[in-house]
C-alpha atoms as a PDB file:
ATOM      1  CA  MET A   1     -27.048  16.430  -1.767  1.00  0.00           C
ATOM      2  CA  LYS A   2     -23.339  18.196  -1.803  1.00  0.00           C
ATOM      3  CA  ARG A   3     -20.482  17.840   0.428  1.00  0.00           C
ATOM      4  CA  LYS A   4     -17.612  19.747   1.201  1.00  0.00           C
ATOM      5  CA  ALA A   5     -13.727  19.838   2.608  1.00  0.00           C
ATOM      6  CA  THR A   6     -11.075  22.476   2.307  1.00  0.00           C
ATOM      7  CA  ALA A   7      -7.626  22.490   1.841  1.00  0.00           C
ATOM      8  CA  ILE A   8      -5.318  24.883   2.926  1.00  0.00           C
ATOM      9  CA  TRP A   9      -1.400  24.742   1.323  1.00  0.00           C
ATOM     10  CA  GLN A  10       1.396  26.382   2.884  1.00  0.00           C
ATOM     11  CA  GLY A  11       4.848  26.944   1.084  1.00  0.00           C
ATOM     12  CA  THR A  12       6.503  24.692  -1.437  1.00  0.00           C
ATOM     13  CA  GLY A  13       5.558  21.095  -2.652  1.00  0.00           C
ATOM     14  CA  LYS A  14       8.191  18.979  -0.976  1.00  0.00           C
ATOM     15  CA  ASP A  15       8.813  21.429   2.570  1.00  0.00           C
ATOM     16  CA  GLY A  16       5.514  23.277   2.617  1.00  0.00           C
ATOM     17  CA  LYS A  17       2.184  22.253   4.734  1.00  0.00           C
ATOM     18  CA  GLY A  18      -0.955  21.560   4.868  1.00  0.00           C
ATOM     19  CA  PHE A  19      -4.089  21.236   6.700  1.00  0.00           C
ATOM     20  CA  LEU A  20      -7.891  19.464   6.403  1.00  0.00           C
ATOM     21  CA  ASN A  21     -11.228  20.887   7.241  1.00  0.00           C
ATOM     22  CA  GLY A  22     -14.707  19.542   7.271  1.00  0.00           C
ATOM     23  CA  PRO A  23     -17.563  20.510   8.307  1.00  0.00           C
ATOM     24  CA  SER A  24     -18.483  17.362  10.556  1.00  0.00           C
ATOM     25  CA  GLY A  25     -15.159  18.230  12.131  1.00  0.00           C
ATOM     26  CA  VAL A  26     -13.512  15.018  11.805  1.00  0.00           C
ATOM     27  CA  LEU A  27     -10.915  16.794   9.520  1.00  0.00           C
ATOM     28  CA  ASP A  28     -10.188  19.573  12.226  1.00  0.00           C
ATOM     29  CA  ASN A  29      -7.367  21.300  11.070  1.00  0.00           C
ATOM     30  CA  THR A  30      -5.433  17.567   9.803  1.00  0.00           C
ATOM     31  CA  PRO A  31      -2.399  18.569   9.158  1.00  0.00           C
ATOM     32  CA  TYR A  32      -0.676  16.664   5.421  1.00  0.00           C
ATOM     33  CA  ASN A  33       2.685  17.339   3.589  1.00  0.00           C
ATOM     34  CA  PHE A  34       5.324  15.642   1.108  1.00  0.00           C
ATOM     35  CA  LYS A  35       6.633  13.739   3.663  1.00  0.00           C
ATOM     36  CA  ALA A  36       3.163  12.175   5.013  1.00  0.00           C
ATOM     37  CA  ARG A  37       1.933  11.348   1.879  1.00  0.00           C
ATOM     38  CA  PHE A  38       5.425  10.005  -0.580  1.00  0.00           C
ATOM     39  CA  GLU A  39       7.873   8.912   2.560  1.00  0.00           C
ATOM     40  CA  ASN A  40       6.025   8.010   5.558  1.00  0.00           C
ATOM     41  CA  GLU A  41       5.137   3.848   4.358  1.00  0.00           C
ATOM     42  CA  ASP A  42       3.235   3.475   7.433  1.00  0.00           C
ATOM     43  CA  GLY A  43       1.707   6.213   7.354  1.00  0.00           C
ATOM     44  CA  LYS A  44       1.464   7.478  10.904  1.00  0.00           C
ATOM     45  CA  ALA A  45       3.175  11.056  10.749  1.00  0.00           C
ATOM     46  CA  GLY A  46      -0.252  12.462   9.252  1.00  0.00           C
ATOM     47  CA  THR A  47      -2.852  11.914   6.597  1.00  0.00           C
ATOM     48  CA  ASN A  48      -3.029  12.315   2.852  1.00  0.00           C
ATOM     49  CA  PRO A  49      -5.666  12.486  -0.150  1.00  0.00           C
ATOM     50  CA  GLU A  50      -4.934   8.429  -0.620  1.00  0.00           C
ATOM     51  CA  GLU A  51      -5.649   7.768   2.852  1.00  0.00           C
ATOM     52  CA  LEU A  52      -9.216   9.825   2.707  1.00  0.00           C
ATOM     53  CA  ILE A  53     -10.362   8.239  -0.481  1.00  0.00           C
ATOM     54  CA  ALA A  54      -9.414   4.663   0.717  1.00  0.00           C
ATOM     55  CA  ALA A  55     -11.662   5.190   3.886  1.00  0.00           C
ATOM     56  CA  GLY A  56     -14.207   6.972   1.394  1.00  0.00           C
ATOM     57  CA  HIS A  57     -14.290   3.732  -0.835  1.00  0.00           C
ATOM     58  CA  ALA A  58     -14.189   1.146   2.072  1.00  0.00           C
ATOM     59  CA  GLY A  59     -17.418   3.172   3.598  1.00  0.00           C
ATOM     60  CA  CYS A  60     -19.066   3.319   0.517  1.00  0.00           C
ATOM     61  CA  PHE A  61     -18.433   0.189  -0.378  1.00  0.00           C
ATOM     62  CA  ALA A  62     -19.807  -1.544   3.275  1.00  0.00           C
ATOM     63  CA  MET A  63     -22.271   0.561   3.470  1.00  0.00           C
ATOM     64  CA  ALA A  64     -23.509  -0.216  -1.145  1.00  0.00           C
ATOM     65  CA  LEU A  65     -22.958  -3.917   0.479  1.00  0.00           C
ATOM     66  CA  SER A  66     -25.721  -3.805   3.518  1.00  0.00           C
ATOM     67  CA  PHE A  67     -28.446  -1.926   1.783  1.00  0.00           C
ATOM     68  CA  ALA A  68     -28.076  -5.274  -0.820  1.00  0.00           C
ATOM     69  CA  ILE A  69     -27.925  -7.879   1.643  1.00  0.00           C
ATOM     70  CA  GLN A  70     -30.962  -6.230   3.183  1.00  0.00           C
ATOM     71  CA  GLU A  71     -33.170  -5.846  -0.134  1.00  0.00           C
ATOM     72  CA  ALA A  72     -32.068 -10.062  -0.003  1.00  0.00           C
ATOM     73  CA  GLY A  73     -34.063  -9.893   3.741  1.00  0.00           C
ATOM     74  CA  PHE A  74     -30.461 -10.524   5.676  1.00  0.00           C
ATOM     75  CA  GLU A  75     -29.353  -8.096   8.357  1.00  0.00           C
ATOM     76  CA  SER A  76     -25.169  -8.266   8.283  1.00  0.00           C
ATOM     77  CA  ASN A  77     -23.735  -9.569  11.437  1.00  0.00           C
ATOM     78  CA  LYS A  78     -20.582  -8.048  10.464  1.00  0.00           C
ATOM     79  CA  LEU A  79     -18.230  -6.421   7.448  1.00  0.00           C
ATOM     80  CA  ASP A  80     -15.422  -5.473   7.850  1.00  0.00           C
ATOM     81  CA  VAL A  81     -13.595  -3.862   4.564  1.00  0.00           C
ATOM     82  CA  ASP A  82     -10.085  -2.941   4.015  1.00  0.00           C
ATOM     83  CA  ALA A  83      -9.181  -0.635   0.898  1.00  0.00           C
ATOM     84  CA  THR A  84      -5.800   0.135  -0.103  1.00  0.00           C
ATOM     85  CA  ILE A  85      -4.821   2.173  -3.235  1.00  0.00           C
ATOM     86  CA  THR A  86      -1.423   1.471  -5.079  1.00  0.00           C
ATOM     87  CA  VAL A  87       0.199   5.020  -6.813  1.00  0.00           C
ATOM     88  CA  GLU A  88       2.387   4.674  -8.815  1.00  0.00           C
ATOM     89  CA  GLN A  89       4.800   7.241 -10.593  1.00  0.00           C
ATOM     90  CA  GLN A  90       3.837   7.466 -14.311  1.00  0.00           C
ATOM     91  CA  ASP A  91       4.137   9.704 -17.141  1.00  0.00           C
ATOM     92  CA  GLY A  92       6.448  12.479 -14.783  1.00  0.00           C
ATOM     93  CA  GLY A  93       3.559  12.259 -11.851  1.00  0.00           C
ATOM     94  CA  PHE A  94       1.718  10.089 -10.012  1.00  0.00           C
ATOM     95  CA  ALA A  95      -1.611   7.784 -10.122  1.00  0.00           C
ATOM     96  CA  PHE A  96      -3.423   5.356  -9.005  1.00  0.00           C
ATOM     97  CA  THR A  97      -2.485   1.922 -10.388  1.00  0.00           C
ATOM     98  CA  HIS A  98      -4.720  -0.416  -8.213  1.00  0.00           C
ATOM     99  CA  ILE A  99      -7.115  -0.157  -5.729  1.00  0.00           C
ATOM    100  CA  GLN A 100      -7.947  -3.505  -2.894  1.00  0.00           C
ATOM    101  CA  LEU A 101     -11.092  -4.262  -1.753  1.00  0.00           C
ATOM    102  CA  ASP A 102     -10.546  -6.987   1.085  1.00  0.00           C
ATOM    103  CA  LEU A 103     -14.018  -7.990   2.930  1.00  0.00           C
ATOM    104  CA  THR A 104     -14.474 -10.023   5.720  1.00  0.00           C
ATOM    105  CA  GLY A 105     -18.347 -10.711   5.802  1.00  0.00           C
ATOM    106  CA  LYS A 106     -20.562 -12.409   8.459  1.00  0.00           C
ATOM    107  CA  VAL A 107     -24.610 -12.635   7.395  1.00  0.00           C
ATOM    108  CA  ASP A 108     -26.399 -15.291   9.436  1.00  0.00           C
ATOM    109  CA  GLY A 109     -28.474 -17.339   7.114  1.00  0.00           C
ATOM    110  CA  MET A 110     -26.804 -16.196   4.173  1.00  0.00           C
ATOM    111  CA  ASP A 111     -25.196 -18.609   1.867  1.00  0.00           C
ATOM    112  CA  GLU A 112     -21.401 -18.022   0.675  1.00  0.00           C
ATOM    113  CA  ALA A 113     -22.716 -17.563  -3.307  1.00  0.00           C
ATOM    114  CA  LYS A 114     -25.048 -15.367  -2.303  1.00  0.00           C
ATOM    115  CA  PHE A 115     -22.795 -12.903  -0.266  1.00  0.00           C
ATOM    116  CA  LYS A 116     -20.041 -12.888  -3.314  1.00  0.00           C
ATOM    117  CA  GLU A 117     -23.112 -12.020  -5.734  1.00  0.00           C
ATOM    118  CA  LEU A 118     -24.247  -9.020  -3.613  1.00  0.00           C
ATOM    119  CA  ALA A 119     -20.271  -8.082  -2.813  1.00  0.00           C
ATOM    120  CA  GLU A 120     -19.744  -8.129  -6.874  1.00  0.00           C
ATOM    121  CA  GLY A 121     -22.242  -6.014  -7.377  1.00  0.00           C
ATOM    122  CA  ALA A 122     -21.814  -3.568  -4.748  1.00  0.00           C
ATOM    123  CA  LYS A 123     -18.232  -3.087  -5.886  1.00  0.00           C
ATOM    124  CA  LYS A 124     -19.440  -1.819  -8.915  1.00  0.00           C
ATOM    125  CA  GLY A 125     -22.521  -0.131  -8.049  1.00  0.00           C
ATOM    126  CA  CYS A 126     -21.300   2.029  -5.244  1.00  0.00           C
ATOM    127  CA  PRO A 127     -20.975   5.659  -5.920  1.00  0.00           C
ATOM    128  CA  VAL A 128     -17.164   6.127  -4.533  1.00  0.00           C
ATOM    129  CA  SER A 129     -16.172   2.948  -7.159  1.00  0.00           C
ATOM    130  CA  LYS A 130     -17.969   4.592  -9.876  1.00  0.00           C
ATOM    131  CA  ALA A 131     -16.047   7.966  -9.180  1.00  0.00           C
ATOM    132  CA  LEU A 132     -12.753   5.662  -9.445  1.00  0.00           C
ATOM    133  CA  SER A 133     -14.007   3.800 -12.690  1.00  0.00           C
ATOM    134  CA  SER A 134     -11.145   4.849 -14.041  1.00  0.00           C
ATOM    135  CA  VAL A 135      -8.411   3.168 -11.593  1.00  0.00           C
ATOM    136  CA  ASP A 136      -8.568  -1.517 -11.692  1.00  0.00           C
ATOM    137  CA  ILE A 137     -10.490  -2.123  -8.458  1.00  0.00           C
ATOM    138  CA  SER A 138      -9.813  -5.848  -7.310  1.00  0.00           C
ATOM    139  CA  LEU A 139     -12.536  -7.887  -4.228  1.00  0.00           C
ATOM    140  CA  ASN A 140     -11.056 -10.488  -2.375  1.00  0.00           C
ATOM    141  CA  ILE A 141     -14.201 -11.618  -0.098  1.00  0.00           C
ATOM    142  CA  THR A 142     -13.644 -13.739   2.942  1.00  0.00           C
ATOM    143  CA  PHE A 143     -17.229 -14.683   4.576  1.00  0.00           C
ATOM    144  CA  GLU A 144     -17.272 -16.299   7.625  1.00  0.00           C
ATOM    145  CA  SER A 145     -20.082 -18.929   8.242  1.00  0.00           C
END
């Protein structure tokens, strides 16, 4: 299995602009630029690689956890995952320094201890977590009974 996306950039790093595309159509000439990435804290001026990686991580983790729940003989009512990537300036550049996964979940018939065990396993085992393993990843769990 291979997945592909493309980026087109025009201009300088600070004043230029880019567009992202992928075969699914979700990224249909989606704009990104320096201001949207580094100066716009609310994230509404356009997307950025960090937002896309956070979305991918949240989605991958939720799916991995749903498989683990299914293998344990249950079905999730809802898994709500927020992924927040912290980017800091380091050594003349920028680096991901932390990823916070915030999970709220409800699984009828499952106890909280089992849910937390499966969530921790999904955090370690999902492919995106593995790819980002050089970054500290923490998980905050809220279980709704």
